[in-house]
Amino acid sequence: MTDLTLTPALATAIFVAACLAGVQYRRVWKAEGPRWQLWLYGALAALGLTILGFVPLAIPT
């Protein structure tokens, strides 16, 4: 069985991607853009933050 953990670099990349998706969600929302884009960016942001919240971080010792 493999150990499911995130490296610090991967966690940072997921965090940045989730933040960028959240910013894009807000831009589409404010511009009253297409609903599918709201769902796409919202789901990407939620997925990224959920992964960060529930998958442990591998801290080198």
PDB file of N, CA and C in Angstrom:
ATOM      1  N   MET A   1       0.842  -1.180   0.000  1.00  0.00           N
ATOM      2  CA  MET A   1       0.000   0.000   0.000  1.00  0.00           C
ATOM      3  C   MET A   1       0.888   1.246   0.000  1.00  0.00           C
ATOM      4  N   THR A   2       0.545   2.210  -0.798  1.00  0.00           N
ATOM      5  CA  THR A   2       1.347   3.425  -0.874  1.00  0.00           C
ATOM      6  C   THR A   2       0.849   4.442   0.150  1.00  0.00           C
ATOM      7  N   ASP A   3       1.762   5.273   0.544  1.00  0.00           N
ATOM      8  CA  ASP A   3       1.448   6.324   1.511  1.00  0.00           C
ATOM      9  C   ASP A   3       0.953   7.552   0.749  1.00  0.00           C
ATOM     10  N   LEU A   4      -0.282   7.966   1.010  1.00  0.00           N
ATOM     11  CA  LEU A   4      -0.881   9.100   0.293  1.00  0.00           C
ATOM     12  C   LEU A   4      -0.595  10.381   1.062  1.00  0.00           C
ATOM     13  N   THR A   5       0.431  11.111   0.622  1.00  0.00           N
ATOM     14  CA  THR A   5       0.784  12.398   1.215  1.00  0.00           C
ATOM     15  C   THR A   5       1.169  13.367   0.103  1.00  0.00           C
ATOM     16  N   LEU A   6       1.113  14.643   0.423  1.00  0.00           N
ATOM     17  CA  LEU A   6       1.510  15.682  -0.521  1.00  0.00           C
ATOM     18  C   LEU A   6       2.881  16.224  -0.149  1.00  0.00           C
ATOM     19  N   THR A   7       3.711  16.423  -1.148  1.00  0.00           N
ATOM     20  CA  THR A   7       4.979  17.095  -0.896  1.00  0.00           C
ATOM     21  C   THR A   7       4.693  18.588  -0.738  1.00  0.00           C
ATOM     22  N   PRO A   8       5.572  19.313  -0.062  1.00  0.00           N
ATOM     23  CA  PRO A   8       5.339  20.759   0.069  1.00  0.00           C
ATOM     24  C   PRO A   8       5.215  21.481  -1.275  1.00  0.00           C
ATOM     25  N   ALA A   9       6.005  21.080  -2.253  1.00  0.00           N
ATOM     26  CA  ALA A   9       5.942  21.729  -3.566  1.00  0.00           C
ATOM     27  C   ALA A   9       4.607  21.456  -4.249  1.00  0.00           C
ATOM     28  N   LEU A  10       4.121  20.219  -4.168  1.00  0.00           N
ATOM     29  CA  LEU A  10       2.841  19.881  -4.776  1.00  0.00           C
ATOM     30  C   LEU A  10       1.692  20.582  -4.055  1.00  0.00           C
ATOM     31  N   ALA A  11       1.760  20.659  -2.741  1.00  0.00           N
ATOM     32  CA  ALA A  11       0.723  21.357  -1.977  1.00  0.00           C
ATOM     33  C   ALA A  11       0.692  22.842  -2.342  1.00  0.00           C
ATOM     34  N   THR A  12       1.854  23.425  -2.537  1.00  0.00           N
ATOM     35  CA  THR A  12       1.919  24.830  -2.939  1.00  0.00           C
ATOM     36  C   THR A  12       1.318  25.027  -4.323  1.00  0.00           C
ATOM     37  N   ALA A  13       1.626  24.115  -5.242  1.00  0.00           N
ATOM     38  CA  ALA A  13       1.081  24.206  -6.598  1.00  0.00           C
ATOM     39  C   ALA A  13      -0.446  24.070  -6.585  1.00  0.00           C
ATOM     40  N   ILE A  14      -0.967  23.150  -5.784  1.00  0.00           N
ATOM     41  CA  ILE A  14      -2.422  22.979  -5.686  1.00  0.00           C
ATOM     42  C   ILE A  14      -3.051  24.227  -5.081  1.00  0.00           C
ATOM     43  N   PHE A  15      -2.415  24.799  -4.072  1.00  0.00           N
ATOM     44  CA  PHE A  15      -2.942  26.006  -3.436  1.00  0.00           C
ATOM     45  C   PHE A  15      -2.991  27.175  -4.420  1.00  0.00           C
ATOM     46  N   VAL A  16      -1.923  27.360  -5.177  1.00  0.00           N
ATOM     47  CA  VAL A  16      -1.880  28.452  -6.163  1.00  0.00           C
ATOM     48  C   VAL A  16      -2.944  28.231  -7.234  1.00  0.00           C
ATOM     49  N   ALA A  17      -3.092  26.990  -7.715  1.00  0.00           N
ATOM     50  CA  ALA A  17      -4.101  26.693  -8.728  1.00  0.00           C
ATOM     51  C   ALA A  17      -5.512  26.943  -8.186  1.00  0.00           C
ATOM     52  N   ALA A  18      -5.755  26.567  -6.930  1.00  0.00           N
ATOM     53  CA  ALA A  18      -7.071  26.792  -6.327  1.00  0.00           C
ATOM     54  C   ALA A  18      -7.342  28.292  -6.171  1.00  0.00           C
ATOM     55  N   CYS A  19      -6.340  29.043  -5.791  1.00  0.00           N
ATOM     56  CA  CYS A  19      -6.504  30.501  -5.667  1.00  0.00           C
ATOM     57  C   CYS A  19      -6.788  31.140  -7.016  1.00  0.00           C
ATOM     58  N   LEU A  20      -6.069  30.736  -8.041  1.00  0.00           N
ATOM     59  CA  LEU A  20      -6.302  31.279  -9.380  1.00  0.00           C
ATOM     60  C   LEU A  20      -7.691  30.907  -9.896  1.00  0.00           C
ATOM     61  N   ALA A  21      -8.131  29.692  -9.610  1.00  0.00           N
ATOM     62  CA  ALA A  21      -9.484  29.289 -10.009  1.00  0.00           C
ATOM     63  C   ALA A  21     -10.526  30.112  -9.261  1.00  0.00           C
ATOM     64  N   GLY A  22     -10.266  30.412  -7.992  1.00  0.00           N
ATOM     65  CA  GLY A  22     -11.182  31.240  -7.211  1.00  0.00           C
ATOM     66  C   GLY A  22     -11.258  32.664  -7.734  1.00  0.00           C
ATOM     67  N   VAL A  23     -10.132  33.209  -8.126  1.00  0.00           N
ATOM     68  CA  VAL A  23     -10.109  34.559  -8.702  1.00  0.00           C
ATOM     69  C   VAL A  23     -10.874  34.578 -10.021  1.00  0.00           C
ATOM     70  N   GLN A  24     -10.655  33.566 -10.841  1.00  0.00           N
ATOM     71  CA  GLN A  24     -11.365  33.499 -12.119  1.00  0.00           C
ATOM     72  C   GLN A  24     -12.858  33.300 -11.894  1.00  0.00           C
ATOM     73  N   TYR A  25     -13.238  32.516 -10.888  1.00  0.00           N
ATOM     74  CA  TYR A  25     -14.651  32.346 -10.532  1.00  0.00           C
ATOM     75  C   TYR A  25     -15.277  33.699 -10.206  1.00  0.00           C
ATOM     76  N   ARG A  26     -14.575  34.483  -9.406  1.00  0.00           N
ATOM     77  CA  ARG A  26     -15.103  35.791  -9.010  1.00  0.00           C
ATOM     78  C   ARG A  26     -15.234  36.732 -10.209  1.00  0.00           C
ATOM     79  N   ARG A  27     -14.259  36.690 -11.118  1.00  0.00           N
ATOM     80  CA  ARG A  27     -14.336  37.536 -12.317  1.00  0.00           C
ATOM     81  C   ARG A  27     -15.533  37.178 -13.183  1.00  0.00           C
ATOM     82  N   VAL A  28     -15.759  35.879 -13.382  1.00  0.00           N
ATOM     83  CA  VAL A  28     -16.901  35.444 -14.194  1.00  0.00           C
ATOM     84  C   VAL A  28     -18.203  35.801 -13.493  1.00  0.00           C
ATOM     85  N   TRP A  29     -18.235  35.641 -12.180  1.00  0.00           N
ATOM     86  CA  TRP A  29     -19.435  35.947 -11.409  1.00  0.00           C
ATOM     87  C   TRP A  29     -19.790  37.434 -11.506  1.00  0.00           C
ATOM     88  N   LYS A  30     -18.773  38.297 -11.323  1.00  0.00           N
ATOM     89  CA  LYS A  30     -19.011  39.740 -11.374  1.00  0.00           C
ATOM     90  C   LYS A  30     -19.440  40.183 -12.779  1.00  0.00           C
ATOM     91  N   ALA A  31     -18.897  39.540 -13.811  1.00  0.00           N
ATOM     92  CA  ALA A  31     -19.239  39.899 -15.187  1.00  0.00           C
ATOM     93  C   ALA A  31     -20.532  39.217 -15.642  1.00  0.00           C
ATOM     94  N   GLU A  32     -21.144  38.438 -14.764  1.00  0.00           N
ATOM     95  CA  GLU A  32     -22.339  37.660 -15.084  1.00  0.00           C
ATOM     96  C   GLU A  32     -22.115  36.830 -16.350  1.00  0.00           C
ATOM     97  N   GLY A  33     -21.001  36.116 -16.316  1.00  0.00           N
ATOM     98  CA  GLY A  33     -20.620  35.279 -17.449  1.00  0.00           C
ATOM     99  C   GLY A  33     -21.405  33.981 -17.497  1.00  0.00           C
ATOM    100  N   PRO A  34     -20.969  33.091 -18.378  1.00  0.00           N
ATOM    101  CA  PRO A  34     -21.672  31.816 -18.562  1.00  0.00           C
ATOM    102  C   PRO A  34     -21.665  30.958 -17.291  1.00  0.00           C
ATOM    103  N   ARG A  35     -22.777  30.294 -17.055  1.00  0.00           N
ATOM    104  CA  ARG A  35     -22.917  29.455 -15.860  1.00  0.00           C
ATOM    105  C   ARG A  35     -21.917  28.295 -15.845  1.00  0.00           C
ATOM    106  N   TRP A  36     -21.611  27.746 -17.025  1.00  0.00           N
ATOM    107  CA  TRP A  36     -20.702  26.606 -17.048  1.00  0.00           C
ATOM    108  C   TRP A  36     -19.313  26.999 -16.557  1.00  0.00           C
ATOM    109  N   GLN A  37     -18.909  28.251 -16.808  1.00  0.00           N
ATOM    110  CA  GLN A  37     -17.611  28.699 -16.310  1.00  0.00           C
ATOM    111  C   GLN A  37     -17.634  28.852 -14.801  1.00  0.00           C
ATOM    112  N   LEU A  38     -18.758  29.310 -14.252  1.00  0.00           N
ATOM    113  CA  LEU A  38     -18.881  29.384 -12.798  1.00  0.00           C
ATOM    114  C   LEU A  38     -18.725  28.005 -12.180  1.00  0.00           C
ATOM    115  N   TRP A  39     -19.413  27.013 -12.760  1.00  0.00           N
ATOM    116  CA  TRP A  39     -19.316  25.656 -12.241  1.00  0.00           C
ATOM    117  C   TRP A  39     -17.890  25.110 -12.376  1.00  0.00           C
ATOM    118  N   LEU A  40     -17.273  25.355 -13.501  1.00  0.00           N
ATOM    119  CA  LEU A  40     -15.919  24.838 -13.734  1.00  0.00           C
ATOM    120  C   LEU A  40     -14.925  25.413 -12.738  1.00  0.00           C
ATOM    121  N   TYR A  41     -14.866  26.742 -12.637  1.00  0.00           N
ATOM    122  CA  TYR A  41     -13.891  27.367 -11.749  1.00  0.00           C
ATOM    123  C   TYR A  41     -14.221  27.124 -10.284  1.00  0.00           C
ATOM    124  N   GLY A  42     -15.487  27.112  -9.950  1.00  0.00           N
ATOM    125  CA  GLY A  42     -15.881  26.821  -8.579  1.00  0.00           C
ATOM    126  C   GLY A  42     -15.530  25.407  -8.172  1.00  0.00           C
ATOM    127  N   ALA A  43     -15.758  24.454  -9.070  1.00  0.00           N
ATOM    128  CA  ALA A  43     -15.427  23.059  -8.773  1.00  0.00           C
ATOM    129  C   ALA A  43     -13.920  22.863  -8.647  1.00  0.00           C
ATOM    130  N   LEU A  44     -13.154  23.515  -9.515  1.00  0.00           N
ATOM    131  CA  LEU A  44     -11.690  23.391  -9.427  1.00  0.00           C
ATOM    132  C   LEU A  44     -11.156  23.969  -8.114  1.00  0.00           C
ATOM    133  N   ALA A  45     -11.673  25.121  -7.730  1.00  0.00           N
ATOM    134  CA  ALA A  45     -11.245  25.730  -6.472  1.00  0.00           C
ATOM    135  C   ALA A  45     -11.643  24.856  -5.283  1.00  0.00           C
ATOM    136  N   ALA A  46     -12.873  24.358  -5.294  1.00  0.00           N
ATOM    137  CA  ALA A  46     -13.341  23.515  -4.195  1.00  0.00           C
ATOM    138  C   ALA A  46     -12.555  22.208  -4.119  1.00  0.00           C
ATOM    139  N   LEU A  47     -12.280  21.607  -5.264  1.00  0.00           N
ATOM    140  CA  LEU A  47     -11.515  20.359  -5.287  1.00  0.00           C
ATOM    141  C   LEU A  47     -10.102  20.570  -4.747  1.00  0.00           C
ATOM    142  N   GLY A  48      -9.456  21.626  -5.189  1.00  0.00           N
ATOM    143  CA  GLY A  48      -8.096  21.904  -4.712  1.00  0.00           C
ATOM    144  C   GLY A  48      -8.046  22.138  -3.211  1.00  0.00           C
ATOM    145  N   LEU A  49      -8.982  22.921  -2.698  1.00  0.00           N
ATOM    146  CA  LEU A  49      -8.984  23.194  -1.258  1.00  0.00           C
ATOM    147  C   LEU A  49      -9.393  21.969  -0.449  1.00  0.00           C
ATOM    148  N   THR A  50     -10.256  21.125  -1.008  1.00  0.00           N
ATOM    149  CA  THR A  50     -10.630  19.888  -0.329  1.00  0.00           C
ATOM    150  C   THR A  50      -9.438  18.944  -0.248  1.00  0.00           C
ATOM    151  N   ILE A  51      -8.693  18.840  -1.331  1.00  0.00           N
ATOM    152  CA  ILE A  51      -7.492  17.992  -1.314  1.00  0.00           C
ATOM    153  C   ILE A  51      -6.514  18.495  -0.265  1.00  0.00           C
ATOM    154  N   LEU A  52      -6.294  19.797  -0.224  1.00  0.00           N
ATOM    155  CA  LEU A  52      -5.370  20.356   0.760  1.00  0.00           C
ATOM    156  C   LEU A  52      -5.864  20.144   2.184  1.00  0.00           C
ATOM    157  N   GLY A  53      -7.166  20.126   2.370  1.00  0.00           N
ATOM    158  CA  GLY A  53      -7.724  19.971   3.703  1.00  0.00           C
ATOM    159  C   GLY A  53      -7.677  18.547   4.218  1.00  0.00           C
ATOM    160  N   PHE A  54      -7.734  17.561   3.333  1.00  0.00           N
ATOM    161  CA  PHE A  54      -7.883  16.180   3.789  1.00  0.00           C
ATOM    162  C   PHE A  54      -6.700  15.258   3.502  1.00  0.00           C
ATOM    163  N   VAL A  55      -5.787  15.658   2.637  1.00  0.00           N
ATOM    164  CA  VAL A  55      -4.600  14.827   2.363  1.00  0.00           C
ATOM    165  C   VAL A  55      -3.441  15.393   3.166  1.00  0.00           C
ATOM    166  N   PRO A  56      -2.800  14.562   3.989  1.00  0.00           N
ATOM    167  CA  PRO A  56      -1.723  15.072   4.846  1.00  0.00           C
ATOM    168  C   PRO A  56      -0.501  15.532   4.055  1.00  0.00           C
ATOM    169  N   LEU A  57       0.220  16.442   4.664  1.00  0.00           N
ATOM    170  CA  LEU A  57       1.437  16.991   4.070  1.00  0.00           C
ATOM    171  C   LEU A  57       2.635  16.184   4.562  1.00  0.00           C
ATOM    172  N   ALA A  58       3.484  15.763   3.637  1.00  0.00           N
ATOM    173  CA  ALA A  58       4.687  15.012   3.980  1.00  0.00           C
ATOM    174  C   ALA A  58       5.783  16.017   4.352  1.00  0.00           C
ATOM    175  N   ILE A  59       6.072  16.112   5.637  1.00  0.00           N
ATOM    176  CA  ILE A  59       7.096  17.035   6.099  1.00  0.00           C
ATOM    177  C   ILE A  59       8.398  16.260   6.299  1.00  0.00           C
ATOM    178  N   PRO A  60       9.447  16.625   5.578  1.00  0.00           N
ATOM    179  CA  PRO A  60      10.714  15.905   5.730  1.00  0.00           C
ATOM    180  C   PRO A  60      11.304  16.132   7.122  1.00  0.00           C
ATOM    181  N   THR A  61      11.791  15.065   7.700  1.00  0.00           N
ATOM    182  CA  THR A  61      12.393  15.166   9.037  1.00  0.00           C
ATOM    183  C   THR A  61      13.884  15.019   9.012  1.00  0.00           C
TER     184      THR A  61
END
